Amino acid sequence: MKSRQSVRLFAGAVATALCLAGSPSAWAETCFTLFNGSVHLQLETTAAALKAPGTLSIGGRIFGALSPCAGLNQWPVIATKVTKGTQVILAYRAMTVDAAACGAVDEIANLAAATLSGPLQLHNDRNNFSNTTTLVAAPCANPLAKAAAAPAGKDTQGNGPK
């Protein structure tokens, strides 16, 4: 009886350890730059997953030389990719905060599967602003390396230290 209980306990511990460890690809990021390297996009997926046929929903973040929104210097991104043949369509929304000078930015890129680079169009409906650039696969950067200091006091919405 004690032997079965020990085996079950050991099997449960191994299963828990495997779940907590995750697979190496679960921690992978694929990174890009926009606007000649001044803006960085990090997606929580591998390059192989982006190139694979089909669709995939992806999370990530965007940071760099962007207009500050309520004192933040990086924002979450939700993305979807559709790959068919040599073409990867990547569309994402940068979830910038809803402050007076900010609005969510919608971006879409037509990437070559071989290089994961290609033209990108963006639009901010709140500010009626559009632009084009090239999305280029790049090494991942540390979003905190050039982080701006948080502004002192309260923002225009009344948020800040108490």
N, C-alpha and C. Protein backbone atom coordinates (compact mmCIF):
# COMPACT_ATOMS: atom_id res chain seq x y z
N MET A 1 0.83 -1.18 0.00
CA MET A 1 0.00 0.00 0.00
C MET A 1 0.87 1.25 0.00
N LYS A 2 1.89 1.24 0.88
CA LYS A 2 2.77 2.39 0.96
C LYS A 2 3.54 2.58 -0.33
N SER A 3 3.88 1.51 -1.01
CA SER A 3 4.62 1.58 -2.26
C SER A 3 3.79 2.27 -3.35
N ARG A 4 2.49 1.94 -3.44
CA ARG A 4 1.61 2.59 -4.43
C ARG A 4 1.49 4.08 -4.15
N GLN A 5 1.37 4.42 -2.89
CA GLN A 5 1.22 5.82 -2.52
C GLN A 5 2.51 6.59 -2.86
N SER A 6 3.66 5.98 -2.66
CA SER A 6 4.93 6.62 -3.01
C SER A 6 5.05 6.81 -4.51
N VAL A 7 4.62 5.82 -5.29
CA VAL A 7 4.67 5.92 -6.75
C VAL A 7 3.75 7.03 -7.22
N ARG A 8 2.54 7.10 -6.67
CA ARG A 8 1.60 8.16 -7.05
C ARG A 8 2.16 9.53 -6.69
N LEU A 9 2.74 9.64 -5.52
CA LEU A 9 3.31 10.91 -5.08
C LEU A 9 4.46 11.32 -5.99
N PHE A 10 5.31 10.36 -6.34
CA PHE A 10 6.43 10.65 -7.25
C PHE A 10 5.92 11.06 -8.63
N ALA A 11 4.94 10.34 -9.16
CA ALA A 11 4.38 10.66 -10.47
C ALA A 11 3.74 12.05 -10.46
N GLY A 12 3.05 12.38 -9.38
CA GLY A 12 2.44 13.70 -9.26
C GLY A 12 3.49 14.80 -9.21
N ALA A 13 4.59 14.55 -8.51
CA ALA A 13 5.67 15.54 -8.42
C ALA A 13 6.32 15.75 -9.78
N VAL A 14 6.54 14.67 -10.52
CA VAL A 14 7.14 14.78 -11.86
C VAL A 14 6.20 15.55 -12.78
N ALA A 15 4.91 15.24 -12.75
CA ALA A 15 3.95 15.94 -13.60
C ALA A 15 3.90 17.43 -13.26
N THR A 16 3.92 17.76 -12.00
CA THR A 16 3.91 19.16 -11.57
C THR A 16 5.17 19.87 -12.05
N ALA A 17 6.32 19.23 -11.89
CA ALA A 17 7.57 19.84 -12.33
C ALA A 17 7.56 20.09 -13.83
N LEU A 18 7.05 19.15 -14.60
CA LEU A 18 6.98 19.34 -16.05
C LEU A 18 6.05 20.48 -16.43
N CYS A 19 4.94 20.59 -15.73
CA CYS A 19 4.00 21.68 -16.02
C CYS A 19 4.61 23.04 -15.68
N LEU A 20 5.31 23.11 -14.56
CA LEU A 20 5.91 24.37 -14.14
C LEU A 20 7.09 24.76 -15.03
N ALA A 21 7.81 23.79 -15.52
CA ALA A 21 8.98 24.08 -16.34
C ALA A 21 8.58 24.60 -17.71
N GLY A 22 7.51 24.08 -18.26
CA GLY A 22 7.09 24.49 -19.60
C GLY A 22 8.08 24.01 -20.64
N SER A 23 7.77 24.26 -21.88
CA SER A 23 8.70 23.88 -22.94
C SER A 23 9.55 25.08 -23.31
N PRO A 24 10.73 24.90 -23.87
CA PRO A 24 11.59 26.02 -24.24
C PRO A 24 10.90 26.99 -25.19
N SER A 25 10.07 26.48 -26.10
CA SER A 25 9.42 27.39 -27.06
C SER A 25 8.38 28.26 -26.39
N ALA A 26 7.87 27.85 -25.22
CA ALA A 26 6.87 28.67 -24.54
C ALA A 26 7.47 29.99 -24.06
N TRP A 27 8.78 30.05 -23.89
CA TRP A 27 9.43 31.26 -23.40
C TRP A 27 10.08 32.06 -24.53
N ALA A 28 9.96 31.60 -25.74
CA ALA A 28 10.63 32.24 -26.87
C ALA A 28 9.95 33.54 -27.26
N GLU A 29 10.73 34.45 -27.80
CA GLU A 29 10.22 35.69 -28.34
C GLU A 29 10.79 35.88 -29.74
N THR A 30 9.99 36.46 -30.60
CA THR A 30 10.46 36.87 -31.92
C THR A 30 10.32 38.38 -31.94
N CYS A 31 11.36 39.06 -32.38
CA CYS A 31 11.40 40.51 -32.26
C CYS A 31 11.58 41.20 -33.60
N PHE A 32 11.10 42.42 -33.65
CA PHE A 32 11.14 43.24 -34.86
C PHE A 32 11.47 44.67 -34.48
N THR A 33 11.87 45.45 -35.48
CA THR A 33 11.98 46.90 -35.30
C THR A 33 11.17 47.58 -36.40
N LEU A 34 10.75 48.81 -36.10
CA LEU A 34 10.03 49.67 -37.02
C LEU A 34 10.73 51.02 -37.04
N PHE A 35 10.44 51.81 -38.01
CA PHE A 35 10.97 53.18 -38.10
C PHE A 35 12.48 53.21 -37.88
N ASN A 36 13.19 52.45 -38.72
CA ASN A 36 14.67 52.41 -38.72
C ASN A 36 15.26 52.01 -37.37
N GLY A 37 14.60 51.11 -36.66
CA GLY A 37 15.13 50.59 -35.40
C GLY A 37 14.76 51.38 -34.18
N SER A 38 13.97 52.44 -34.30
CA SER A 38 13.66 53.27 -33.14
C SER A 38 12.49 52.73 -32.31
N VAL A 39 11.70 51.83 -32.88
CA VAL A 39 10.58 51.22 -32.18
C VAL A 39 10.77 49.70 -32.22
N HIS A 40 10.48 49.03 -31.10
CA HIS A 40 10.69 47.59 -30.98
C HIS A 40 9.37 46.88 -30.72
N LEU A 41 9.18 45.76 -31.40
CA LEU A 41 8.02 44.90 -31.21
C LEU A 41 8.52 43.53 -30.79
N GLN A 42 8.03 43.03 -29.65
CA GLN A 42 8.39 41.69 -29.18
C GLN A 42 7.13 40.85 -29.11
N LEU A 43 7.14 39.71 -29.81
CA LEU A 43 6.00 38.81 -29.82
C LEU A 43 6.36 37.51 -29.11
N GLU A 44 5.42 36.97 -28.36
CA GLU A 44 5.65 35.76 -27.58
C GLU A 44 5.41 34.51 -28.44
N THR A 45 6.30 34.31 -29.40
CA THR A 45 6.23 33.15 -30.28
C THR A 45 7.60 32.95 -30.92
N THR A 46 7.75 31.89 -31.65
CA THR A 46 9.00 31.63 -32.35
C THR A 46 8.88 32.05 -33.81
N ALA A 47 10.00 32.24 -34.46
CA ALA A 47 10.01 32.55 -35.89
C ALA A 47 9.40 31.37 -36.67
N ALA A 48 9.67 30.16 -36.24
CA ALA A 48 9.12 28.98 -36.92
C ALA A 48 7.60 28.97 -36.85
N ALA A 49 7.03 29.37 -35.71
CA ALA A 49 5.57 29.41 -35.57
C ALA A 49 4.97 30.50 -36.46
N LEU A 50 5.67 31.61 -36.62
CA LEU A 50 5.18 32.66 -37.52
C LEU A 50 5.18 32.20 -38.97
N LYS A 51 6.20 31.44 -39.34
CA LYS A 51 6.34 30.98 -40.72
C LYS A 51 5.45 29.78 -41.05
N ALA A 52 4.99 29.07 -40.03
CA ALA A 52 4.17 27.87 -40.25
C ALA A 52 2.82 28.23 -40.87
N PRO A 53 2.32 27.40 -41.78
CA PRO A 53 1.03 27.68 -42.41
C PRO A 53 -0.09 27.78 -41.36
N GLY A 54 -1.07 28.64 -41.64
CA GLY A 54 -2.23 28.75 -40.77
C GLY A 54 -2.26 30.05 -39.99
N THR A 55 -3.15 30.08 -39.00
CA THR A 55 -3.32 31.29 -38.18
C THR A 55 -2.83 31.04 -36.76
N LEU A 56 -2.48 32.11 -36.08
CA LEU A 56 -1.99 32.03 -34.72
C LEU A 56 -2.26 33.36 -34.03
N SER A 57 -2.82 33.31 -32.83
CA SER A 57 -2.99 34.50 -32.01
C SER A 57 -1.78 34.63 -31.10
N ILE A 58 -1.29 35.87 -30.94
CA ILE A 58 -0.02 36.10 -30.24
C ILE A 58 -0.15 37.32 -29.34
N GLY A 59 0.50 37.27 -28.19
CA GLY A 59 0.63 38.44 -27.33
C GLY A 59 2.03 39.00 -27.46
N GLY A 60 2.23 40.18 -26.93
CA GLY A 60 3.55 40.78 -26.96
C GLY A 60 3.54 42.18 -26.40
N ARG A 61 4.55 42.96 -26.78
CA ARG A 61 4.63 44.36 -26.34
C ARG A 61 5.39 45.18 -27.37
N ILE A 62 5.15 46.49 -27.30
CA ILE A 62 5.82 47.44 -28.19
C ILE A 62 6.39 48.55 -27.33
N PHE A 63 7.58 49.02 -27.69
CA PHE A 63 8.24 50.07 -26.92
C PHE A 63 9.27 50.76 -27.80
N GLY A 64 9.83 51.84 -27.31
CA GLY A 64 10.86 52.57 -28.04
C GLY A 64 10.48 54.03 -28.20
N ALA A 65 10.86 54.60 -29.33
CA ALA A 65 10.66 56.03 -29.59
C ALA A 65 9.21 56.30 -29.98
N LEU A 66 8.32 56.10 -29.04
CA LEU A 66 6.90 56.35 -29.25
C LEU A 66 6.48 57.54 -28.40
N SER A 67 5.40 58.18 -28.77
CA SER A 67 4.88 59.26 -27.94
C SER A 67 4.45 58.69 -26.61
N PRO A 68 4.89 59.29 -25.50
CA PRO A 68 4.48 58.77 -24.20
C PRO A 68 2.98 58.92 -23.98
N CYS A 69 2.39 57.93 -23.39
CA CYS A 69 0.96 57.96 -23.07
C CYS A 69 0.81 57.78 -21.57
N ALA A 70 0.40 58.84 -20.89
CA ALA A 70 0.18 58.81 -19.44
C ALA A 70 1.42 58.31 -18.70
N GLY A 71 2.59 58.64 -19.21
CA GLY A 71 3.83 58.29 -18.52
C GLY A 71 4.34 56.89 -18.78
N LEU A 72 3.65 56.09 -19.58
CA LEU A 72 4.11 54.73 -19.87
C LEU A 72 5.07 54.73 -21.04
N ASN A 73 5.99 53.77 -21.07
CA ASN A 73 6.94 53.68 -22.18
C ASN A 73 6.88 52.36 -22.93
N GLN A 74 5.94 51.47 -22.57
CA GLN A 74 5.72 50.24 -23.31
C GLN A 74 4.26 49.82 -23.12
N TRP A 75 3.73 49.12 -24.15
CA TRP A 75 2.32 48.75 -24.12
C TRP A 75 2.13 47.34 -24.61
N PRO A 76 1.08 46.66 -24.10
CA PRO A 76 0.78 45.32 -24.59
C PRO A 76 0.30 45.35 -26.03
N VAL A 77 0.52 44.24 -26.71
CA VAL A 77 0.12 44.08 -28.10
C VAL A 77 -0.65 42.77 -28.21
N ILE A 78 -1.76 42.78 -28.95
CA ILE A 78 -2.43 41.54 -29.32
C ILE A 78 -2.32 41.43 -30.83
N ALA A 79 -1.96 40.24 -31.29
CA ALA A 79 -1.66 40.07 -32.72
C ALA A 79 -2.26 38.77 -33.24
N THR A 80 -2.45 38.74 -34.54
CA THR A 80 -2.82 37.52 -35.25
C THR A 80 -1.98 37.46 -36.51
N LYS A 81 -1.48 36.27 -36.80
CA LYS A 81 -0.74 36.09 -38.05
C LYS A 81 -1.48 35.06 -38.89
N VAL A 82 -1.44 35.26 -40.20
CA VAL A 82 -1.97 34.30 -41.15
C VAL A 82 -0.84 34.04 -42.14
N THR A 83 -0.43 32.78 -42.26
CA THR A 83 0.65 32.41 -43.17
C THR A 83 0.12 31.49 -44.25
N LYS A 84 0.44 31.84 -45.49
CA LYS A 84 0.11 30.98 -46.63
C LYS A 84 1.26 31.07 -47.61
N GLY A 85 1.91 29.97 -47.85
CA GLY A 85 3.04 29.94 -48.78
C GLY A 85 4.19 30.80 -48.26
N THR A 86 4.62 31.74 -49.08
CA THR A 86 5.77 32.58 -48.71
C THR A 86 5.37 33.91 -48.08
N GLN A 87 4.10 34.05 -47.76
CA GLN A 87 3.59 35.31 -47.25
C GLN A 87 3.06 35.15 -45.82
N VAL A 88 3.44 36.08 -44.94
CA VAL A 88 2.94 36.13 -43.58
C VAL A 88 2.26 37.49 -43.40
N ILE A 89 0.97 37.47 -43.11
CA ILE A 89 0.25 38.69 -42.79
C ILE A 89 0.19 38.78 -41.28
N LEU A 90 0.74 39.84 -40.73
CA LEU A 90 0.77 40.05 -39.29
C LEU A 90 -0.01 41.32 -38.98
N ALA A 91 -1.06 41.20 -38.20
CA ALA A 91 -1.85 42.35 -37.79
C ALA A 91 -1.85 42.41 -36.27
N TYR A 92 -1.68 43.61 -35.73
CA TYR A 92 -1.70 43.73 -34.27
C TYR A 92 -2.21 45.09 -33.85
N ARG A 93 -2.62 45.16 -32.60
CA ARG A 93 -3.09 46.40 -31.99
C ARG A 93 -2.24 46.67 -30.77
N ALA A 94 -1.66 47.87 -30.74
CA ALA A 94 -0.92 48.33 -29.57
C ALA A 94 -1.94 48.95 -28.63
N MET A 95 -2.04 48.40 -27.43
CA MET A 95 -3.07 48.81 -26.48
C MET A 95 -2.60 50.00 -25.63
N THR A 96 -2.39 51.11 -26.30
CA THR A 96 -1.99 52.31 -25.57
C THR A 96 -3.15 52.77 -24.70
N VAL A 97 -2.81 53.46 -23.64
CA VAL A 97 -3.82 53.86 -22.67
C VAL A 97 -4.75 54.91 -23.26
N ASP A 98 -5.89 55.02 -22.67
CA ASP A 98 -6.90 55.97 -23.15
C ASP A 98 -6.69 57.31 -22.45
N ALA A 99 -5.65 58.00 -22.85
CA ALA A 99 -5.37 59.34 -22.34
C ALA A 99 -5.63 60.33 -23.47
N ALA A 100 -5.66 61.60 -23.14
CA ALA A 100 -6.06 62.63 -24.11
C ALA A 100 -5.26 62.58 -25.41
N ALA A 101 -3.97 62.35 -25.35
CA ALA A 101 -3.14 62.40 -26.56
C ALA A 101 -2.85 61.02 -27.14
N CYS A 102 -3.51 59.98 -26.62
CA CYS A 102 -3.19 58.61 -27.04
C CYS A 102 -4.42 57.91 -27.58
N GLY A 103 -4.18 56.81 -28.23
CA GLY A 103 -5.25 55.94 -28.71
C GLY A 103 -4.63 54.66 -29.20
N ALA A 104 -5.42 53.59 -29.23
CA ALA A 104 -4.91 52.31 -29.69
C ALA A 104 -4.48 52.42 -31.15
N VAL A 105 -3.37 51.79 -31.48
CA VAL A 105 -2.81 51.86 -32.83
C VAL A 105 -2.96 50.49 -33.49
N ASP A 106 -3.60 50.48 -34.66
CA ASP A 106 -3.75 49.25 -35.45
C ASP A 106 -2.65 49.20 -36.50
N GLU A 107 -1.99 48.05 -36.61
CA GLU A 107 -0.88 47.91 -37.55
C GLU A 107 -1.03 46.60 -38.31
N ILE A 108 -0.66 46.63 -39.59
CA ILE A 108 -0.70 45.42 -40.42
C ILE A 108 0.54 45.39 -41.30
N ALA A 109 1.16 44.21 -41.38
CA ALA A 109 2.39 44.06 -42.17
C ALA A 109 2.24 42.85 -43.09
N ASN A 110 2.83 42.96 -44.26
CA ASN A 110 2.89 41.87 -45.24
C ASN A 110 4.35 41.42 -45.29
N LEU A 111 4.66 40.34 -44.59
CA LEU A 111 6.04 39.89 -44.43
C LEU A 111 6.38 38.75 -45.38
N ALA A 112 7.61 38.73 -45.85
CA ALA A 112 8.14 37.58 -46.58
C ALA A 112 8.48 36.52 -45.54
N ALA A 113 8.00 35.31 -45.72
CA ALA A 113 8.25 34.25 -44.74
C ALA A 113 9.75 33.98 -44.57
N ALA A 114 10.52 34.12 -45.63
CA ALA A 114 11.96 33.83 -45.56
C ALA A 114 12.70 34.79 -44.65
N THR A 115 12.32 36.06 -44.65
CA THR A 115 13.05 37.08 -43.88
C THR A 115 12.26 37.66 -42.71
N LEU A 116 10.96 37.41 -42.66
CA LEU A 116 10.05 38.02 -41.69
C LEU A 116 10.20 39.55 -41.68
N SER A 117 10.33 40.12 -42.85
CA SER A 117 10.42 41.57 -43.01
C SER A 117 9.50 41.98 -44.15
N GLY A 118 8.98 43.22 -44.05
CA GLY A 118 8.14 43.72 -45.13
C GLY A 118 7.44 45.01 -44.75
N PRO A 119 6.66 45.56 -45.67
CA PRO A 119 5.99 46.83 -45.44
C PRO A 119 4.93 46.75 -44.34
N LEU A 120 4.78 47.84 -43.61
CA LEU A 120 3.82 47.93 -42.51
C LEU A 120 3.04 49.23 -42.64
N GLN A 121 1.75 49.16 -42.38
CA GLN A 121 0.90 50.34 -42.31
C GLN A 121 0.32 50.42 -40.92
N LEU A 122 0.19 51.64 -40.39
CA LEU A 122 -0.41 51.81 -39.07
C LEU A 122 -1.44 52.93 -39.12
N HIS A 123 -2.40 52.85 -38.18
CA HIS A 123 -3.43 53.88 -38.08
C HIS A 123 -3.89 54.01 -36.63
N ASN A 124 -4.01 55.25 -36.18
CA ASN A 124 -4.56 55.58 -34.87
C ASN A 124 -5.85 56.34 -35.14
N ASP A 125 -6.98 55.66 -34.94
CA ASP A 125 -8.28 56.25 -35.27
C ASP A 125 -8.61 57.44 -34.37
N ARG A 126 -8.23 57.37 -33.12
CA ARG A 126 -8.54 58.46 -32.18
C ARG A 126 -7.90 59.78 -32.61
N ASN A 127 -6.65 59.69 -33.10
CA ASN A 127 -5.93 60.89 -33.51
C ASN A 127 -5.95 61.10 -35.02
N ASN A 128 -6.66 60.21 -35.73
CA ASN A 128 -6.73 60.27 -37.19
C ASN A 128 -5.33 60.41 -37.80
N PHE A 129 -4.45 59.49 -37.38
CA PHE A 129 -3.06 59.52 -37.82
C PHE A 129 -2.72 58.19 -38.48
N SER A 130 -2.09 58.24 -39.64
CA SER A 130 -1.63 57.04 -40.34
C SER A 130 -0.19 57.23 -40.78
N ASN A 131 0.51 56.11 -40.97
CA ASN A 131 1.90 56.17 -41.42
C ASN A 131 2.28 54.81 -42.01
N THR A 132 3.41 54.77 -42.69
CA THR A 132 3.94 53.52 -43.22
C THR A 132 5.41 53.42 -42.85
N THR A 133 5.90 52.20 -42.76
CA THR A 133 7.30 51.94 -42.46
C THR A 133 7.59 50.51 -42.90
N THR A 134 8.74 49.99 -42.51
CA THR A 134 9.09 48.61 -42.77
C THR A 134 9.28 47.89 -41.44
N LEU A 135 8.67 46.74 -41.31
CA LEU A 135 8.85 45.88 -40.14
C LEU A 135 9.99 44.94 -40.45
N VAL A 136 11.02 44.92 -39.61
CA VAL A 136 12.23 44.15 -39.87
C VAL A 136 12.51 43.22 -38.69
N ALA A 137 12.74 41.95 -38.98
CA ALA A 137 13.14 41.01 -37.92
C ALA A 137 14.45 41.49 -37.32
N ALA A 138 14.56 41.44 -35.99
CA ALA A 138 15.73 41.98 -35.30
C ALA A 138 15.97 41.23 -34.00
N PRO A 139 17.17 41.35 -33.44
CA PRO A 139 17.41 40.77 -32.11
C PRO A 139 16.51 41.43 -31.08
N CYS A 140 16.16 40.70 -30.06
CA CYS A 140 15.32 41.26 -29.01
C CYS A 140 16.10 42.26 -28.18
N ALA A 141 15.42 43.32 -27.77
CA ALA A 141 16.02 44.37 -26.95
C ALA A 141 15.35 44.37 -25.58
N ASN A 142 16.02 44.93 -24.61
CA ASN A 142 15.47 45.06 -23.27
C ASN A 142 14.60 46.31 -23.20
N PRO A 143 13.30 46.16 -22.98
CA PRO A 143 12.43 47.34 -22.96
C PRO A 143 12.74 48.28 -21.80
N LEU A 144 13.42 47.81 -20.79
CA LEU A 144 13.71 48.65 -19.63
C LEU A 144 15.06 49.35 -19.74
N ALA A 145 15.85 49.01 -20.76
CA ALA A 145 17.19 49.58 -20.89
C ALA A 145 17.15 51.09 -21.06
N LYS A 146 16.19 51.61 -21.81
CA LYS A 146 16.09 53.04 -22.04
C LYS A 146 14.80 53.59 -21.47
N ALA A 147 14.29 52.96 -20.42
CA ALA A 147 13.02 53.38 -19.85
C ALA A 147 13.11 54.79 -19.30
N ALA A 148 12.13 55.57 -19.64
CA ALA A 148 12.07 56.93 -19.12
C ALA A 148 11.62 56.89 -17.68
N ALA A 149 12.07 57.85 -16.92
CA ALA A 149 11.66 57.93 -15.52
C ALA A 149 10.17 58.27 -15.48
N ALA A 150 9.47 57.68 -14.54
CA ALA A 150 8.05 57.96 -14.39
C ALA A 150 7.87 59.43 -14.01
N PRO A 151 6.88 60.08 -14.56
CA PRO A 151 6.67 61.49 -14.24
C PRO A 151 6.26 61.66 -12.78
N ALA A 152 6.67 62.76 -12.21
CA ALA A 152 6.32 63.04 -10.82
C ALA A 152 4.92 63.63 -10.78
N GLY A 153 4.20 63.37 -9.72
CA GLY A 153 2.87 63.96 -9.57
C GLY A 153 1.81 63.18 -10.33
N LYS A 154 0.67 63.82 -10.48
CA LYS A 154 -0.48 63.18 -11.13
C LYS A 154 -0.52 63.52 -12.61
N ASP A 155 -1.06 62.58 -13.42
CA ASP A 155 -1.22 62.85 -14.85
C ASP A 155 -2.50 63.65 -15.08
N THR A 156 -2.81 63.91 -16.35
CA THR A 156 -3.97 64.73 -16.68
C THR A 156 -5.28 64.07 -16.29
N GLN A 157 -5.27 62.76 -16.06
CA GLN A 157 -6.48 62.03 -15.65
C GLN A 157 -6.59 61.94 -14.13
N GLY A 158 -5.62 62.52 -13.41
CA GLY A 158 -5.65 62.48 -11.95
C GLY A 158 -5.02 61.25 -11.35
N ASN A 159 -4.34 60.44 -12.16
CA ASN A 159 -3.68 59.23 -11.66
C ASN A 159 -2.28 59.57 -11.20
N GLY A 160 -1.84 58.94 -10.16
CA GLY A 160 -0.48 59.16 -9.68
C GLY A 160 -0.35 58.78 -8.23
N PRO A 161 0.80 59.10 -7.65
CA PRO A 161 1.02 58.75 -6.25
C PRO A 161 0.03 59.45 -5.34
N LYS A 162 -0.30 58.80 -4.26
CA LYS A 162 -1.25 59.39 -3.30
C LYS A 162 -0.52 60.17 -2.23
